[in-house]
Amino acid sequence: MKALLSPALLIITLFVHSQPRIDKDFRVNVGNPFFKDGLAPKVLIDEAHNNLHKKETGLHAFTRMMEDDGARVYANDTSFSSVLLKGYDILIIANALHDSNVGNWQNPCPSAFTKEEIRAVEQFVKNGGSLLLVADHMPYGGAAQDLGKAFGVKWNNGFAIRQGQHWPPSEFDRSNNTILDSPVTMDGDFTRRISHIASFSGSVFKLPKKSQPFMVYDDSHMILMPDVAWQFSKKTKRENSEGWVQGACLEYGNGKIVLLGEAAMITAQLGDNDHKVGMNNQEDAPENAQLALNIFRYLAAD
């Protein structure tokens, strides 16, 4: 692996800072709704922790997909507590951030959640709730570290980038064993087999025993850990990507968790010149929409 970063990383940087817009014309085709009246899961999307992706912003397409499949979806603007979470089946947290890192993407990157909130979420899952936790590249990985740790997950507050990468996405495929069987990547009563997933840089993590990773890295990427987001140099801490994970399923107590180290893969966004980024990009990410639907149905099913 080369020691120096290629100029192509600058292209990634420029794209990331171009402020993508929501592709409101994209809609996941769910077919016949899986959840009928009386069985509709109640979903709570976190918006109380400086979240980059919210119900009607980055998660717009994901929200519409869940609603089209029969879910009742609500936004949350208060701190987590056992009382708050008790009335819901699924909690979604996407790119939460500590107050100190708003507009200040550099170390330290403290937890976005208090100890009391983490305890409430841990008990929610243990008692049978489902959690979708998404934490992208620095500083979002750092903000999720303490919550991940409550479930035995070691989250890295860095960037997963392929050497010489002129344009995201990173590609995971069954042909090279970077996609593995899991409840969200296999055929099932309410899921469909996934053979290819595209992600758009992001973070990585390591898992406790008895978890089921479904997006795993070979040695084709670098894990870069800068002190300031997107500022890379020869001195930037780094390690090989092999053995790190970007997507996984985890059973905890009576509940279920899906972990994602990258958010754009389940969004539908438009970059410069209306370039499609996320599951609306049918050329680079033709199966991402099905993955998103599989994830929701796995978390919602009894």
Protein backbone atom coordinates (compact mmCIF):
# COMPACT_ATOMS: atom_id res chain seq x y z
CA MET A 1 0.00 0.00 0.00
CA LYS A 2 1.32 3.44 -0.92
CA ALA A 3 2.42 5.70 1.88
CA LEU A 4 1.23 8.93 0.30
CA LEU A 5 -2.33 9.96 -0.42
CA SER A 6 -3.21 10.39 -4.05
CA PRO A 7 -4.50 13.71 -5.46
CA ALA A 8 -7.77 11.88 -6.10
CA LEU A 9 -8.66 12.28 -2.44
CA LEU A 10 -8.98 15.98 -3.09
CA ILE A 11 -11.75 15.19 -5.56
CA ILE A 12 -13.62 13.28 -2.87
CA THR A 13 -13.13 16.21 -0.48
CA LEU A 14 -14.50 18.75 -2.94
CA PHE A 15 -17.56 16.60 -3.60
CA VAL A 16 -18.31 16.04 0.06
CA HIS A 17 -18.24 19.76 0.77
CA SER A 18 -20.60 20.58 -2.14
CA GLN A 19 -23.69 20.28 0.11
CA PRO A 20 -25.85 17.60 -1.56
CA ARG A 21 -29.58 18.20 -1.87
CA ILE A 22 -32.43 15.78 -1.20
CA ASP A 23 -33.72 13.88 -4.22
CA LYS A 24 -37.42 14.12 -3.45
CA ASP A 25 -38.38 12.47 -6.74
CA PHE A 26 -36.83 9.15 -5.75
CA ARG A 27 -39.06 6.55 -4.14
CA VAL A 28 -38.27 2.97 -3.18
CA ASN A 29 -40.70 0.51 -4.76
CA VAL A 30 -41.85 -1.60 -1.81
CA GLY A 31 -44.59 -3.46 -3.72
CA ASN A 32 -47.49 -4.51 -1.50
CA PRO A 33 -47.04 -3.09 2.02
CA PHE A 34 -45.67 -5.77 4.31
CA PHE A 35 -47.17 -4.36 7.51
CA LYS A 36 -50.95 -4.14 7.53
CA ASP A 37 -53.29 -2.23 9.85
CA GLY A 38 -52.81 -3.28 13.43
CA LEU A 39 -49.26 -4.51 12.79
CA ALA A 40 -47.74 -1.20 11.74
CA PRO A 41 -44.46 -0.64 13.60
CA LYS A 42 -43.91 2.72 15.30
CA VAL A 43 -40.58 4.25 14.29
CA LEU A 44 -38.82 7.12 16.06
CA ILE A 45 -36.17 9.07 14.13
CA ASP A 46 -33.76 10.99 16.32
CA GLU A 47 -33.47 14.73 15.69
CA ALA A 48 -32.39 15.81 19.17
CA HIS A 49 -28.62 15.36 18.84
CA ASN A 50 -27.52 17.71 16.04
CA ASN A 51 -28.28 14.93 13.56
CA LEU A 52 -27.12 15.51 10.01
CA HIS A 53 -29.88 13.26 8.66
CA LYS A 54 -33.43 13.79 9.86
CA LYS A 55 -36.90 12.55 8.94
CA GLU A 56 -37.57 15.13 6.25
CA THR A 57 -33.97 15.83 5.20
CA GLY A 58 -31.38 13.11 4.61
CA LEU A 59 -33.77 10.32 5.65
CA HIS A 60 -36.60 11.58 3.46
CA ALA A 61 -36.48 8.62 1.05
CA PHE A 62 -35.96 6.12 3.88
CA THR A 63 -38.95 7.59 5.73
CA ARG A 64 -41.20 7.41 2.66
CA MET A 65 -40.10 3.79 2.13
CA MET A 66 -41.05 2.83 5.70
CA GLU A 67 -44.39 4.62 5.45
CA ASP A 68 -45.15 2.98 2.10
CA ASP A 69 -44.44 -0.38 3.77
CA GLY A 70 -46.95 0.34 6.53
CA ALA A 71 -44.93 2.01 9.30
CA ARG A 72 -45.88 5.02 11.40
CA VAL A 73 -42.85 7.30 11.54
CA TYR A 74 -42.24 10.12 14.01
CA ALA A 75 -39.45 12.62 14.67
CA ASN A 76 -37.85 12.99 18.10
CA ASP A 77 -36.65 16.33 19.49
CA THR A 78 -36.02 15.41 23.13
CA SER A 79 -33.42 13.49 25.12
CA PHE A 80 -33.74 9.72 25.21
CA SER A 81 -35.42 8.20 28.24
CA SER A 82 -37.13 4.91 29.04
CA VAL A 83 -40.47 6.70 29.13
CA LEU A 84 -39.93 8.20 25.67
CA LEU A 85 -38.76 5.00 23.99
CA LYS A 86 -41.34 2.71 25.58
CA GLY A 87 -43.98 3.55 23.00
CA TYR A 88 -41.86 2.69 19.93
CA ASP A 89 -40.71 -0.42 18.10
CA ILE A 90 -37.71 1.01 16.22
CA LEU A 91 -35.28 3.82 17.04
CA ILE A 92 -33.22 5.31 14.19
CA ILE A 93 -30.13 7.43 14.94
CA ALA A 94 -28.24 8.79 11.95
CA ASN A 95 -25.12 10.94 12.29
CA ALA A 96 -25.62 12.40 15.73
CA LEU A 97 -23.10 14.97 16.97
CA HIS A 98 -22.01 16.51 20.26
CA ASP A 99 -22.71 20.24 20.63
CA SER A 100 -18.97 21.02 20.72
CA ASN A 101 -18.44 19.59 17.22
CA VAL A 102 -21.15 21.53 15.44
CA GLY A 103 -19.20 23.49 12.84
CA ASN A 104 -16.00 22.23 14.48
CA TRP A 105 -15.02 18.92 12.91
CA GLN A 106 -11.87 18.20 14.88
CA ASN A 107 -10.74 16.20 17.89
CA PRO A 108 -11.89 15.70 20.54
CA CYS A 109 -15.19 14.23 19.37
CA PRO A 110 -17.22 13.52 22.53
CA SER A 111 -20.28 11.33 22.77
CA ALA A 112 -23.47 12.80 21.37
CA PHE A 113 -25.38 11.07 24.17
CA THR A 114 -25.32 11.29 27.94
CA LYS A 115 -24.75 8.23 30.10
CA GLU A 116 -28.43 8.29 31.05
CA GLU A 117 -29.49 8.33 27.40
CA ILE A 118 -27.16 5.46 26.55
CA ARG A 119 -28.61 3.46 29.43
CA ALA A 120 -32.13 4.15 28.17
CA VAL A 121 -31.29 3.03 24.62
CA GLU A 122 -29.49 -0.07 25.87
CA GLN A 123 -32.51 -1.06 27.97
CA PHE A 124 -34.87 -0.31 25.06
CA VAL A 125 -33.04 -2.82 22.87
CA LYS A 126 -32.54 -5.36 25.65
CA ASN A 127 -36.28 -5.34 26.29
CA GLY A 128 -37.14 -6.07 22.66
CA GLY A 129 -36.76 -2.79 20.76
CA SER A 130 -34.88 -2.42 17.48
CA LEU A 131 -32.11 0.08 16.77
CA LEU A 132 -30.64 1.37 13.51
CA LEU A 133 -27.43 3.20 14.41
CA VAL A 134 -25.65 5.03 11.60
CA ALA A 135 -22.38 6.89 12.20
CA ASP A 136 -20.41 8.24 9.27
CA HIS A 137 -16.79 9.41 9.05
CA MET A 138 -15.23 11.72 11.65
CA PRO A 139 -16.66 13.35 13.74
CA TYR A 140 -19.74 11.10 13.66
CA GLY A 141 -17.84 7.92 14.52
CA GLY A 142 -16.51 9.57 17.65
CA ALA A 143 -19.96 10.80 18.64
CA ALA A 144 -21.28 7.22 18.45
CA GLN A 145 -18.41 5.49 20.26
CA ASP A 146 -19.92 5.41 23.74
CA LEU A 147 -23.31 4.23 22.50
CA GLY A 148 -21.66 1.54 20.38
CA LYS A 149 -19.56 0.46 23.35
CA ALA A 150 -22.74 -0.26 25.33
CA PHE A 151 -23.39 -3.06 22.81
CA GLY A 152 -19.78 -4.25 22.58
CA VAL A 153 -18.98 -2.34 19.38
CA LYS A 154 -15.65 -0.55 18.87
CA TRP A 155 -16.26 2.41 16.56
CA ASN A 156 -13.38 4.08 14.74
CA ASN A 157 -13.52 7.87 14.42
CA GLY A 158 -11.85 8.02 11.02
CA PHE A 159 -12.35 7.73 7.27
CA ALA A 160 -12.46 4.60 5.13
CA ILE A 161 -11.05 5.54 1.73
CA ARG A 162 -9.67 3.45 -1.13
CA GLN A 163 -6.23 4.40 -2.41
CA GLY A 164 -6.55 6.10 -5.78
CA GLN A 165 -10.30 6.54 -5.36
CA HIS A 166 -11.43 9.10 -7.94
CA TRP A 167 -15.05 8.96 -6.94
CA PRO A 168 -16.92 7.17 -4.26
CA PRO A 169 -18.51 4.70 -3.92
CA SER A 170 -16.61 1.93 -2.25
CA GLU A 171 -18.01 -1.34 -3.54
CA PHE A 172 -18.85 -4.44 -1.53
CA ASP A 173 -19.60 -7.59 -3.50
CA ARG A 174 -20.18 -11.29 -2.97
CA SER A 175 -17.59 -12.08 -5.64
CA ASN A 176 -14.75 -11.02 -3.30
CA ASN A 177 -16.45 -11.95 0.00
CA THR A 178 -16.88 -8.35 1.15
CA ILE A 179 -20.64 -9.03 1.39
CA LEU A 180 -21.53 -11.83 3.79
CA ASP A 181 -24.77 -13.64 4.55
CA SER A 182 -26.87 -11.99 7.25
CA PRO A 183 -30.56 -11.40 7.95
CA VAL A 184 -30.45 -8.28 5.72
CA THR A 185 -28.49 -9.74 2.79
CA MET A 186 -30.20 -13.13 2.30
CA ASP A 187 -33.51 -14.20 0.80
CA GLY A 188 -36.20 -14.52 3.45
CA ASP A 189 -39.92 -14.20 4.00
CA PHE A 190 -39.61 -10.41 3.74
CA THR A 191 -36.08 -9.80 2.41
CA ARG A 192 -34.24 -10.32 -0.87
CA ARG A 193 -30.67 -11.45 -1.53
CA ILE A 194 -28.11 -8.66 -1.85
CA SER A 195 -25.01 -9.21 -3.99
CA HIS A 196 -23.64 -5.67 -4.30
CA ILE A 197 -23.61 -2.63 -2.00
CA ALA A 198 -22.13 0.80 -2.64
CA SER A 199 -21.09 3.13 0.18
CA PHE A 200 -19.64 6.62 0.03
CA SER A 201 -16.52 6.66 2.26
CA GLY A 202 -17.69 6.57 5.92
CA SER A 203 -16.39 5.02 9.14
CA VAL A 204 -15.65 1.48 10.33
CA PHE A 205 -16.06 -0.58 13.47
CA LYS A 206 -15.27 -3.92 15.08
CA LEU A 207 -17.86 -6.23 16.57
CA PRO A 208 -18.47 -8.43 19.59
CA LYS A 209 -18.83 -12.18 19.21
CA LYS A 210 -22.07 -13.64 17.83
CA SER A 211 -22.75 -10.60 15.65
CA GLN A 212 -23.33 -10.92 11.91
CA PRO A 213 -21.24 -8.58 9.74
CA PHE A 214 -22.48 -8.13 6.18
CA MET A 215 -20.14 -5.40 4.83
CA VAL A 216 -16.52 -6.28 5.52
CA TYR A 217 -13.33 -4.74 4.17
CA ASP A 218 -10.51 -6.49 2.40
CA ASP A 219 -7.12 -4.74 2.20
CA SER A 220 -8.11 -2.34 -0.60
CA HIS A 221 -8.84 0.67 1.64
CA MET A 222 -7.07 2.82 4.20
CA ILE A 223 -8.50 3.83 7.54
CA LEU A 224 -7.34 7.44 8.00
CA MET A 225 -7.60 9.11 11.41
CA PRO A 226 -6.88 12.84 11.10
CA ASP A 227 -7.09 15.38 13.90
CA VAL A 228 -9.26 17.61 11.70
CA ALA A 229 -11.82 16.14 9.29
CA TRP A 230 -10.66 15.98 5.66
CA GLN A 231 -7.17 17.27 6.48
CA PHE A 232 -4.80 14.45 5.54
CA SER A 233 -1.01 14.47 5.46
CA LYS A 234 1.98 12.11 5.72
CA LYS A 235 1.60 12.35 9.50
CA THR A 236 -2.05 11.28 9.53
CA LYS A 237 -2.54 8.09 11.54
CA ARG A 238 -3.67 5.22 9.35
CA GLU A 239 -4.03 1.47 9.16
CA ASN A 240 -5.05 -1.14 6.65
CA SER A 241 -8.76 -1.72 6.23
CA GLU A 242 -8.73 -5.52 6.33
CA GLY A 243 -10.82 -6.89 9.17
CA TRP A 244 -12.88 -3.75 9.71
CA VAL A 245 -16.65 -3.72 9.18
CA GLN A 246 -19.09 -1.14 7.78
CA GLY A 247 -22.40 -2.99 8.13
CA ALA A 248 -23.60 -5.55 10.66
CA CYS A 249 -26.58 -7.12 12.42
CA LEU A 250 -26.48 -7.74 16.13
CA GLU A 251 -28.95 -9.38 18.50
CA TYR A 252 -28.90 -7.93 22.00
CA GLY A 253 -31.14 -9.27 24.73
CA ASN A 254 -34.59 -9.53 23.18
CA GLY A 255 -33.88 -6.84 20.59
CA LYS A 256 -32.10 -6.31 17.29
CA ILE A 257 -29.56 -3.80 16.01
CA VAL A 258 -28.32 -2.85 12.55
CA LEU A 259 -25.08 -0.86 12.47
CA LEU A 260 -23.94 1.18 9.46
CA GLY A 261 -20.68 3.11 9.21
CA GLU A 262 -21.94 5.22 6.32
CA ALA A 263 -25.16 7.15 5.87
CA ALA A 264 -25.42 8.10 2.20
CA MET A 265 -25.93 4.48 1.14
CA ILE A 266 -29.51 4.57 2.51
CA THR A 267 -30.28 8.14 1.43
CA ALA A 268 -31.20 9.67 -1.94
CA GLN A 269 -29.25 12.87 -2.59
CA LEU A 270 -28.18 15.08 -5.48
CA GLY A 271 -24.71 16.56 -5.76
CA ASP A 272 -23.22 18.96 -8.27
CA ASN A 273 -24.88 18.78 -11.70
CA ASP A 274 -27.63 16.68 -10.12
CA HIS A 275 -25.27 13.71 -9.74
CA LYS A 276 -27.13 11.03 -7.77
CA VAL A 277 -25.59 9.97 -4.48
CA GLY A 278 -27.06 7.08 -2.54
CA MET A 279 -29.71 4.50 -3.27
CA ASN A 280 -31.08 6.69 -6.07
CA ASN A 281 -27.88 6.03 -8.05
CA GLN A 282 -28.99 3.00 -10.02
CA GLU A 283 -25.69 2.76 -11.89
CA ASP A 284 -23.33 2.60 -8.90
CA ALA A 285 -25.76 1.39 -6.23
CA PRO A 286 -28.46 -0.72 -7.94
CA GLU A 287 -29.20 -2.85 -4.84
CA ASN A 288 -28.93 -0.23 -2.09
CA ALA A 289 -32.67 0.46 -2.09
CA GLN A 290 -33.40 -3.23 -1.54
CA LEU A 291 -30.83 -3.28 1.26
CA ALA A 292 -32.61 -0.35 2.92
CA LEU A 293 -35.94 -2.16 2.68
CA ASN A 294 -34.38 -5.38 4.02
CA ILE A 295 -32.93 -3.48 6.99
CA PHE A 296 -36.26 -1.91 7.89
CA ARG A 297 -38.19 -5.16 7.56
CA TYR A 298 -35.64 -7.08 9.62
CA LEU A 299 -35.84 -4.53 12.42
CA ALA A 300 -39.64 -4.37 12.26
CA ALA A 301 -40.47 -8.05 12.05
CA ASP A 302 -41.30 -10.08 15.17
